[in-house]
Amino acid sequence: MHDQETTISGWSQWTSDEGRYWATRHRPFSCAAEREGACRTVDADTEETLRRLIDEQEHRAMLANRGSAQP
């Protein structure tokens, strides 16, 4: 893996030796978010796609957490 690692809104991002982009979230998602499919680690072919996947995970978690707060 390349030594360069960057942080994106609470995530660490790195590029594998094969050129694949990876990111992992610093803190776990809530149980509700995980049940709704939020993934703590994602990978993609491009940095742009990786950023989109990170946004999707955060959005999925936000919706799950909002739904679990309702009585």
C-alpha atoms as a PDB file:
ATOM      1  CA  MET A   1       0.000   0.000   0.000  1.00  0.00           C
ATOM      2  CA  HIS A   2       1.093   3.516  -0.602  1.00  0.00           C
ATOM      3  CA  ASP A   3       2.279   5.440   2.420  1.00  0.00           C
ATOM      4  CA  GLN A   4       0.121   8.443   1.655  1.00  0.00           C
ATOM      5  CA  GLU A   5      -3.047   8.435   3.703  1.00  0.00           C
ATOM      6  CA  THR A   6      -5.586  11.236   3.841  1.00  0.00           C
ATOM      7  CA  THR A   7      -8.610  11.937   6.000  1.00  0.00           C
ATOM      8  CA  ILE A   8     -12.036  12.658   4.547  1.00  0.00           C
ATOM      9  CA  SER A   9     -14.647  13.774   7.082  1.00  0.00           C
ATOM     10  CA  GLY A  10     -13.883  11.165   9.735  1.00  0.00           C
ATOM     11  CA  TRP A  11     -12.549   8.576   7.302  1.00  0.00           C
ATOM     12  CA  SER A  12      -9.004   7.483   6.467  1.00  0.00           C
ATOM     13  CA  GLN A  13      -8.309   6.986   2.786  1.00  0.00           C
ATOM     14  CA  TRP A  14      -5.456   5.164   1.091  1.00  0.00           C
ATOM     15  CA  THR A  15      -4.552   3.675  -2.270  1.00  0.00           C
ATOM     16  CA  SER A  16      -3.494   0.048  -2.608  1.00  0.00           C
ATOM     17  CA  ASP A  17      -0.414  -1.049  -4.544  1.00  0.00           C
ATOM     18  CA  GLU A  18      -2.800  -2.051  -7.330  1.00  0.00           C
ATOM     19  CA  GLY A  19      -4.182   1.505  -7.505  1.00  0.00           C
ATOM     20  CA  ARG A  20      -7.540   0.792  -5.853  1.00  0.00           C
ATOM     21  CA  TYR A  21      -8.915   3.470  -3.533  1.00  0.00           C
ATOM     22  CA  TRP A  22      -9.978   2.450  -0.022  1.00  0.00           C
ATOM     23  CA  ALA A  23     -11.468   4.270   2.967  1.00  0.00           C
ATOM     24  CA  THR A  24     -12.441   3.244   6.456  1.00  0.00           C
ATOM     25  CA  ARG A  25     -14.468   5.194   8.974  1.00  0.00           C
ATOM     26  CA  HIS A  26     -12.748   6.127  12.215  1.00  0.00           C
ATOM     27  CA  ARG A  27     -15.782   5.336  14.375  1.00  0.00           C
ATOM     28  CA  PRO A  28     -18.246   2.491  13.931  1.00  0.00           C
ATOM     29  CA  PHE A  29     -21.730   3.214  12.656  1.00  0.00           C
ATOM     30  CA  SER A  30     -24.671   2.687  14.970  1.00  0.00           C
ATOM     31  CA  CYS A  31     -26.358  -0.716  14.982  1.00  0.00           C
ATOM     32  CA  ALA A  32     -29.356   0.819  13.199  1.00  0.00           C
ATOM     33  CA  ALA A  33     -27.102   2.180  10.435  1.00  0.00           C
ATOM     34  CA  GLU A  34     -25.344  -1.156  10.019  1.00  0.00           C
ATOM     35  CA  ARG A  35     -28.707  -2.946   9.789  1.00  0.00           C
ATOM     36  CA  GLU A  36     -29.578  -0.555   6.958  1.00  0.00           C
ATOM     37  CA  GLY A  37     -26.370  -1.455   5.137  1.00  0.00           C
ATOM     38  CA  ALA A  38     -23.949   1.329   6.089  1.00  0.00           C
ATOM     39  CA  CYS A  39     -20.422  -0.016   5.555  1.00  0.00           C
ATOM     40  CA  ARG A  40     -17.478   1.171   7.608  1.00  0.00           C
ATOM     41  CA  THR A  41     -14.938   0.264   4.892  1.00  0.00           C
ATOM     42  CA  VAL A  42     -15.451   0.912   1.178  1.00  0.00           C
ATOM     43  CA  ASP A  43     -13.340   0.636  -1.965  1.00  0.00           C
ATOM     44  CA  ALA A  44     -13.563   1.977  -5.506  1.00  0.00           C
ATOM     45  CA  ASP A  45     -11.747   2.303  -8.813  1.00  0.00           C
ATOM     46  CA  THR A  46     -11.494   6.103  -8.624  1.00  0.00           C
ATOM     47  CA  GLU A  47     -11.185   8.707  -5.897  1.00  0.00           C
ATOM     48  CA  GLU A  48     -14.367  10.370  -7.134  1.00  0.00           C
ATOM     49  CA  THR A  49     -16.308   7.117  -6.786  1.00  0.00           C
ATOM     50  CA  LEU A  50     -14.807   6.532  -3.355  1.00  0.00           C
ATOM     51  CA  ARG A  51     -15.986   9.945  -2.172  1.00  0.00           C
ATOM     52  CA  ARG A  52     -19.464   9.170  -3.521  1.00  0.00           C
ATOM     53  CA  LEU A  53     -19.501   5.856  -1.646  1.00  0.00           C
ATOM     54  CA  ILE A  54     -18.445   7.584   1.579  1.00  0.00           C
ATOM     55  CA  ASP A  55     -21.255  10.117   1.139  1.00  0.00           C
ATOM     56  CA  GLU A  56     -23.720   7.267   0.512  1.00  0.00           C
ATOM     57  CA  GLN A  57     -22.671   5.474   3.708  1.00  0.00           C
ATOM     58  CA  GLU A  58     -23.021   8.633   5.776  1.00  0.00           C
ATOM     59  CA  HIS A  59     -26.421   9.379   4.224  1.00  0.00           C
ATOM     60  CA  ARG A  60     -27.619   5.806   4.832  1.00  0.00           C
ATOM     61  CA  ALA A  61     -26.517   6.104   8.468  1.00  0.00           C
ATOM     62  CA  MET A  62     -28.225   9.467   8.902  1.00  0.00           C
ATOM     63  CA  LEU A  63     -31.528   8.084   7.606  1.00  0.00           C
ATOM     64  CA  ALA A  64     -31.263   4.947   9.742  1.00  0.00           C
ATOM     65  CA  ASN A  65     -30.476   6.929  12.869  1.00  0.00           C
ATOM     66  CA  ARG A  66     -33.305   9.349  12.179  1.00  0.00           C
ATOM     67  CA  GLY A  67     -35.723   6.431  11.743  1.00  0.00           C
ATOM     68  CA  SER A  68     -34.584   4.664  14.903  1.00  0.00           C
ATOM     69  CA  ALA A  69     -35.178   7.817  16.968  1.00  0.00           C
ATOM     70  CA  GLN A  70     -38.881   7.830  16.123  1.00  0.00           C
ATOM     71  CA  PRO A  71     -41.233   6.176  18.632  1.00  0.00           C
END
